[in-house]
Amino acid sequence: MERLDQRLTDELTRAVRATVRDELRDAVREGARGQRRKAALYAGAGAAALYAGAALALALGLVLALGLPDWGAALVVAAVLGVAAHLLRAAARPAKPAAPAAPPMPTGPPPGA
């Protein structure tokens, strides 16, 4: 398990380092300014946040694995991430407009009948 953790950590570190290096190299080479540079920096920040979230999920799984079987810890982490994804998707959807109210129904006979 420890060898797997080290391999995952090394792979995540290598991927983040390569992404940041490539984004910075592209920004310097193209001389991009303004919006394009901001977009590249946001992309790098997003990639770093993604890998930080993966590392956090891995850490949660390792802590849970102390008291549960490995498969159980993985299942709990997957369920937590699934619930978080569902809540984020629901928050991102625009609110549905309220349905128009139906006119009130008459309670007696029509006037003049």
N, C-alpha and C. Protein backbone atom coordinates (compact mmCIF):
# COMPACT_ATOMS: atom_id res chain seq x y z
N MET A 1 0.83 -1.19 0.00
CA MET A 1 0.00 0.00 0.00
C MET A 1 0.87 1.25 0.00
N GLU A 2 1.99 1.20 0.78
CA GLU A 2 2.85 2.36 0.87
C GLU A 2 3.53 2.66 -0.46
N ARG A 3 3.90 1.59 -1.19
CA ARG A 3 4.53 1.77 -2.50
C ARG A 3 3.54 2.41 -3.48
N LEU A 4 2.28 2.01 -3.40
CA LEU A 4 1.24 2.59 -4.25
C LEU A 4 1.06 4.07 -3.93
N ASP A 5 1.04 4.42 -2.64
CA ASP A 5 0.89 5.82 -2.22
C ASP A 5 2.04 6.66 -2.75
N GLN A 6 3.26 6.14 -2.64
CA GLN A 6 4.43 6.89 -3.12
C GLN A 6 4.38 7.06 -4.63
N ARG A 7 3.95 6.01 -5.32
CA ARG A 7 3.87 6.09 -6.79
C ARG A 7 2.82 7.10 -7.20
N LEU A 8 1.65 7.12 -6.52
CA LEU A 8 0.61 8.09 -6.83
C LEU A 8 1.08 9.52 -6.54
N THR A 9 1.76 9.69 -5.41
CA THR A 9 2.27 11.02 -5.06
C THR A 9 3.29 11.50 -6.09
N ASP A 10 4.19 10.61 -6.50
CA ASP A 10 5.18 10.97 -7.51
C ASP A 10 4.52 11.33 -8.83
N GLU A 11 3.51 10.55 -9.22
CA GLU A 11 2.83 10.81 -10.49
C GLU A 11 2.08 12.15 -10.44
N LEU A 12 1.39 12.42 -9.33
CA LEU A 12 0.68 13.69 -9.20
C LEU A 12 1.64 14.88 -9.20
N THR A 13 2.75 14.74 -8.50
CA THR A 13 3.74 15.82 -8.45
C THR A 13 4.31 16.08 -9.83
N ARG A 14 4.63 15.01 -10.54
CA ARG A 14 5.20 15.15 -11.89
C ARG A 14 4.20 15.82 -12.83
N ALA A 15 2.93 15.43 -12.73
CA ALA A 15 1.91 16.00 -13.61
C ALA A 15 1.70 17.49 -13.32
N VAL A 16 1.63 17.87 -12.04
CA VAL A 16 1.45 19.28 -11.70
C VAL A 16 2.65 20.09 -12.16
N ARG A 17 3.84 19.58 -11.91
CA ARG A 17 5.06 20.28 -12.30
C ARG A 17 5.10 20.48 -13.82
N ALA A 18 4.75 19.44 -14.58
CA ALA A 18 4.76 19.55 -16.04
C ALA A 18 3.71 20.55 -16.53
N THR A 19 2.53 20.52 -15.92
CA THR A 19 1.46 21.44 -16.34
C THR A 19 1.85 22.89 -16.07
N VAL A 20 2.36 23.15 -14.89
CA VAL A 20 2.75 24.53 -14.55
C VAL A 20 3.90 24.98 -15.44
N ARG A 21 4.89 24.12 -15.64
CA ARG A 21 6.04 24.47 -16.48
C ARG A 21 5.58 24.77 -17.90
N ASP A 22 4.71 23.92 -18.46
CA ASP A 22 4.25 24.14 -19.83
C ASP A 22 3.44 25.43 -19.96
N GLU A 23 2.58 25.69 -18.97
CA GLU A 23 1.79 26.91 -19.03
C GLU A 23 2.67 28.16 -18.92
N LEU A 24 3.63 28.13 -18.02
CA LEU A 24 4.52 29.29 -17.89
C LEU A 24 5.39 29.47 -19.12
N ARG A 25 5.90 28.36 -19.67
CA ARG A 25 6.73 28.44 -20.88
C ARG A 25 5.93 29.01 -22.04
N ASP A 26 4.68 28.56 -22.20
CA ASP A 26 3.83 29.08 -23.28
C ASP A 26 3.56 30.57 -23.10
N ALA A 27 3.31 30.98 -21.85
CA ALA A 27 3.02 32.39 -21.60
C ALA A 27 4.23 33.26 -21.92
N VAL A 28 5.42 32.78 -21.54
CA VAL A 28 6.63 33.56 -21.81
C VAL A 28 6.93 33.59 -23.31
N ARG A 29 6.82 32.43 -23.96
CA ARG A 29 7.16 32.34 -25.39
C ARG A 29 6.23 33.19 -26.24
N GLU A 30 4.96 33.17 -25.95
CA GLU A 30 4.01 33.93 -26.76
C GLU A 30 3.94 35.40 -26.37
N GLY A 31 4.50 35.73 -25.23
CA GLY A 31 4.42 37.12 -24.80
C GLY A 31 2.98 37.52 -24.53
N ALA A 32 2.17 36.56 -24.12
CA ALA A 32 0.75 36.83 -23.91
C ALA A 32 0.57 37.80 -22.76
N ARG A 33 -0.36 38.68 -22.92
CA ARG A 33 -0.67 39.67 -21.89
C ARG A 33 -2.18 39.67 -21.67
N GLY A 34 -2.60 40.29 -20.58
CA GLY A 34 -4.02 40.53 -20.32
C GLY A 34 -4.82 39.26 -20.10
N GLN A 35 -5.89 39.13 -20.85
CA GLN A 35 -6.84 38.05 -20.65
C GLN A 35 -6.24 36.68 -20.92
N ARG A 36 -5.42 36.57 -21.94
CA ARG A 36 -4.84 35.27 -22.28
C ARG A 36 -3.93 34.77 -21.16
N ARG A 37 -3.14 35.65 -20.61
CA ARG A 37 -2.25 35.27 -19.51
C ARG A 37 -3.06 34.89 -18.28
N LYS A 38 -4.11 35.65 -17.99
CA LYS A 38 -4.97 35.32 -16.86
C LYS A 38 -5.60 33.95 -17.04
N ALA A 39 -6.05 33.66 -18.25
CA ALA A 39 -6.67 32.36 -18.51
C ALA A 39 -5.68 31.22 -18.27
N ALA A 40 -4.44 31.41 -18.70
CA ALA A 40 -3.43 30.37 -18.49
C ALA A 40 -3.13 30.18 -17.01
N LEU A 41 -3.07 31.27 -16.27
CA LEU A 41 -2.81 31.16 -14.84
C LEU A 41 -3.99 30.52 -14.12
N TYR A 42 -5.20 30.84 -14.53
CA TYR A 42 -6.37 30.18 -13.94
C TYR A 42 -6.37 28.69 -14.26
N ALA A 43 -5.95 28.34 -15.47
CA ALA A 43 -5.87 26.92 -15.84
C ALA A 43 -4.85 26.20 -14.96
N GLY A 44 -3.71 26.82 -14.73
CA GLY A 44 -2.71 26.23 -13.84
C GLY A 44 -3.22 26.10 -12.42
N ALA A 45 -3.92 27.12 -11.96
CA ALA A 45 -4.48 27.07 -10.61
C ALA A 45 -5.55 25.98 -10.51
N GLY A 46 -6.33 25.83 -11.55
CA GLY A 46 -7.35 24.77 -11.56
C GLY A 46 -6.73 23.39 -11.54
N ALA A 47 -5.65 23.21 -12.31
CA ALA A 47 -4.97 21.91 -12.31
C ALA A 47 -4.37 21.63 -10.94
N ALA A 48 -3.76 22.62 -10.32
CA ALA A 48 -3.19 22.43 -8.98
C ALA A 48 -4.29 22.12 -7.97
N ALA A 49 -5.44 22.78 -8.08
CA ALA A 49 -6.54 22.50 -7.17
C ALA A 49 -7.09 21.10 -7.37
N LEU A 50 -7.13 20.65 -8.63
CA LEU A 50 -7.60 19.29 -8.91
C LEU A 50 -6.69 18.27 -8.25
N TYR A 51 -5.39 18.45 -8.38
CA TYR A 51 -4.45 17.51 -7.78
C TYR A 51 -4.47 17.62 -6.25
N ALA A 52 -4.70 18.80 -5.73
CA ALA A 52 -4.81 18.95 -4.27
C ALA A 52 -6.04 18.20 -3.76
N GLY A 53 -7.13 18.28 -4.50
CA GLY A 53 -8.33 17.54 -4.12
C GLY A 53 -8.11 16.03 -4.19
N ALA A 54 -7.37 15.59 -5.20
CA ALA A 54 -7.06 14.16 -5.30
C ALA A 54 -6.20 13.71 -4.13
N ALA A 55 -5.24 14.54 -3.75
CA ALA A 55 -4.39 14.19 -2.60
C ALA A 55 -5.21 14.17 -1.31
N LEU A 56 -6.15 15.08 -1.18
CA LEU A 56 -7.02 15.10 0.00
C LEU A 56 -7.89 13.85 0.04
N ALA A 57 -8.43 13.45 -1.10
CA ALA A 57 -9.24 12.24 -1.15
C ALA A 57 -8.39 11.01 -0.81
N LEU A 58 -7.16 10.99 -1.29
CA LEU A 58 -6.26 9.89 -0.96
C LEU A 58 -5.98 9.86 0.54
N ALA A 59 -5.73 11.02 1.13
CA ALA A 59 -5.46 11.08 2.56
C ALA A 59 -6.68 10.61 3.36
N LEU A 60 -7.87 11.02 2.95
CA LEU A 60 -9.08 10.58 3.63
C LEU A 60 -9.22 9.06 3.54
N GLY A 61 -8.93 8.52 2.37
CA GLY A 61 -9.00 7.07 2.20
C GLY A 61 -8.01 6.34 3.07
N LEU A 62 -6.81 6.89 3.20
CA LEU A 62 -5.80 6.25 4.04
C LEU A 62 -6.18 6.29 5.51
N VAL A 63 -6.78 7.41 5.94
CA VAL A 63 -7.22 7.50 7.33
C VAL A 63 -8.34 6.51 7.59
N LEU A 64 -9.29 6.42 6.68
CA LEU A 64 -10.40 5.48 6.85
C LEU A 64 -9.92 4.04 6.78
N ALA A 65 -8.85 3.79 6.02
CA ALA A 65 -8.32 2.43 5.90
C ALA A 65 -7.72 1.93 7.21
N LEU A 66 -7.46 2.82 8.14
CA LEU A 66 -6.95 2.40 9.44
C LEU A 66 -8.02 1.61 10.21
N GLY A 67 -9.28 1.94 10.01
CA GLY A 67 -10.35 1.29 10.75
C GLY A 67 -11.25 0.42 9.91
N LEU A 68 -11.14 0.52 8.59
CA LEU A 68 -11.99 -0.24 7.68
C LEU A 68 -11.12 -1.05 6.73
N PRO A 69 -11.69 -2.04 6.07
CA PRO A 69 -10.93 -2.70 5.00
C PRO A 69 -10.66 -1.68 3.88
N ASP A 70 -9.62 -1.92 3.10
CA ASP A 70 -9.25 -0.96 2.04
C ASP A 70 -10.41 -0.69 1.09
N TRP A 71 -11.14 -1.75 0.71
CA TRP A 71 -12.24 -1.55 -0.23
C TRP A 71 -13.35 -0.72 0.41
N GLY A 72 -13.56 -0.88 1.70
CA GLY A 72 -14.59 -0.10 2.39
C GLY A 72 -14.22 1.38 2.46
N ALA A 73 -12.94 1.64 2.74
CA ALA A 73 -12.48 3.03 2.77
C ALA A 73 -12.63 3.67 1.40
N ALA A 74 -12.28 2.93 0.35
CA ALA A 74 -12.42 3.47 -1.01
C ALA A 74 -13.89 3.73 -1.33
N LEU A 75 -14.77 2.86 -0.89
CA LEU A 75 -16.20 3.03 -1.14
C LEU A 75 -16.74 4.26 -0.42
N VAL A 76 -16.32 4.49 0.81
CA VAL A 76 -16.76 5.67 1.56
C VAL A 76 -16.29 6.94 0.88
N VAL A 77 -15.02 6.98 0.46
CA VAL A 77 -14.48 8.17 -0.21
C VAL A 77 -15.23 8.41 -1.52
N ALA A 78 -15.50 7.35 -2.27
CA ALA A 78 -16.24 7.50 -3.54
C ALA A 78 -17.65 8.04 -3.28
N ALA A 79 -18.30 7.58 -2.23
CA ALA A 79 -19.64 8.07 -1.92
C ALA A 79 -19.61 9.54 -1.53
N VAL A 80 -18.64 9.94 -0.73
CA VAL A 80 -18.52 11.35 -0.33
C VAL A 80 -18.28 12.23 -1.55
N LEU A 81 -17.38 11.79 -2.43
CA LEU A 81 -17.12 12.58 -3.64
C LEU A 81 -18.34 12.62 -4.56
N GLY A 82 -19.09 11.53 -4.62
CA GLY A 82 -20.31 11.51 -5.44
C GLY A 82 -21.35 12.48 -4.92
N VAL A 83 -21.53 12.51 -3.62
CA VAL A 83 -22.49 13.45 -3.01
C VAL A 83 -22.03 14.89 -3.26
N ALA A 84 -20.74 15.15 -3.10
CA ALA A 84 -20.22 16.50 -3.35
C ALA A 84 -20.44 16.91 -4.80
N ALA A 85 -20.21 15.99 -5.74
CA ALA A 85 -20.43 16.29 -7.16
C ALA A 85 -21.90 16.59 -7.43
N HIS A 86 -22.79 15.82 -6.83
CA HIS A 86 -24.22 16.05 -7.03
C HIS A 86 -24.64 17.41 -6.48
N LEU A 87 -24.15 17.76 -5.30
CA LEU A 87 -24.50 19.06 -4.71
C LEU A 87 -23.95 20.22 -5.54
N LEU A 88 -22.73 20.07 -6.04
CA LEU A 88 -22.16 21.14 -6.87
C LEU A 88 -22.92 21.28 -8.18
N ARG A 89 -23.31 20.14 -8.78
CA ARG A 89 -24.07 20.21 -10.02
C ARG A 89 -25.42 20.87 -9.78
N ALA A 90 -26.07 20.53 -8.68
CA ALA A 90 -27.37 21.13 -8.37
C ALA A 90 -27.23 22.63 -8.13
N ALA A 91 -26.13 23.05 -7.51
CA ALA A 91 -25.91 24.47 -7.25
C ALA A 91 -25.62 25.23 -8.54
N ALA A 92 -25.06 24.55 -9.53
CA ALA A 92 -24.69 25.21 -10.78
C ALA A 92 -25.89 25.38 -11.72
N ARG A 93 -26.91 24.57 -11.53
CA ARG A 93 -28.08 24.67 -12.41
C ARG A 93 -28.88 25.92 -12.09
N PRO A 94 -29.40 26.58 -13.12
CA PRO A 94 -30.24 27.76 -12.84
C PRO A 94 -31.56 27.31 -12.21
N ALA A 95 -32.11 28.18 -11.39
CA ALA A 95 -33.37 27.88 -10.73
C ALA A 95 -34.49 27.82 -11.76
N LYS A 96 -35.40 26.87 -11.57
CA LYS A 96 -36.53 26.75 -12.49
C LYS A 96 -37.54 27.85 -12.17
N PRO A 97 -38.10 28.47 -13.20
CA PRO A 97 -39.12 29.50 -12.92
C PRO A 97 -40.35 28.84 -12.31
N ALA A 98 -41.03 29.58 -11.45
CA ALA A 98 -42.23 29.07 -10.80
C ALA A 98 -43.34 28.90 -11.83
N ALA A 99 -44.11 27.83 -11.70
CA ALA A 99 -45.22 27.60 -12.61
C ALA A 99 -46.30 28.64 -12.36
N PRO A 100 -46.95 29.11 -13.42
CA PRO A 100 -48.01 30.10 -13.21
C PRO A 100 -49.15 29.48 -12.40
N ALA A 101 -49.70 30.28 -11.53
CA ALA A 101 -50.79 29.80 -10.67
C ALA A 101 -52.08 29.69 -11.48
N ALA A 102 -52.85 28.66 -11.20
CA ALA A 102 -54.14 28.48 -11.88
C ALA A 102 -55.14 29.48 -11.30
N PRO A 103 -56.06 29.95 -12.11
CA PRO A 103 -57.08 30.87 -11.58
C PRO A 103 -57.95 30.13 -10.57
N PRO A 104 -58.52 30.84 -9.60
CA PRO A 104 -59.34 30.17 -8.59
C PRO A 104 -60.61 29.59 -9.22
N MET A 105 -61.04 28.47 -8.69
CA MET A 105 -62.25 27.80 -9.18
C MET A 105 -63.46 28.44 -8.49
N PRO A 106 -64.56 28.63 -9.23
CA PRO A 106 -65.77 29.19 -8.60
C PRO A 106 -66.36 28.18 -7.59
N THR A 107 -66.91 28.71 -6.54
CA THR A 107 -67.48 27.84 -5.50
C THR A 107 -68.99 27.74 -5.59
N GLY A 108 -69.63 28.60 -6.28
CA GLY A 108 -71.10 28.57 -6.37
C GLY A 108 -71.53 28.68 -7.82
N PRO A 109 -72.86 28.82 -8.03
CA PRO A 109 -73.34 28.96 -9.40
C PRO A 109 -72.93 30.31 -9.97
N PRO A 110 -72.84 30.39 -11.27
CA PRO A 110 -72.47 31.67 -11.89
C PRO A 110 -73.51 32.75 -11.59
N PRO A 111 -73.09 34.01 -11.54
CA PRO A 111 -74.04 35.09 -11.24
C PRO A 111 -75.12 35.18 -12.31
N GLY A 112 -76.31 35.40 -11.90
CA GLY A 112 -77.43 35.56 -12.83
C GLY A 112 -78.03 34.23 -13.27
N ALA A 113 -77.65 33.13 -12.62
CA ALA A 113 -78.19 31.86 -13.06
C ALA A 113 -79.39 31.43 -12.25
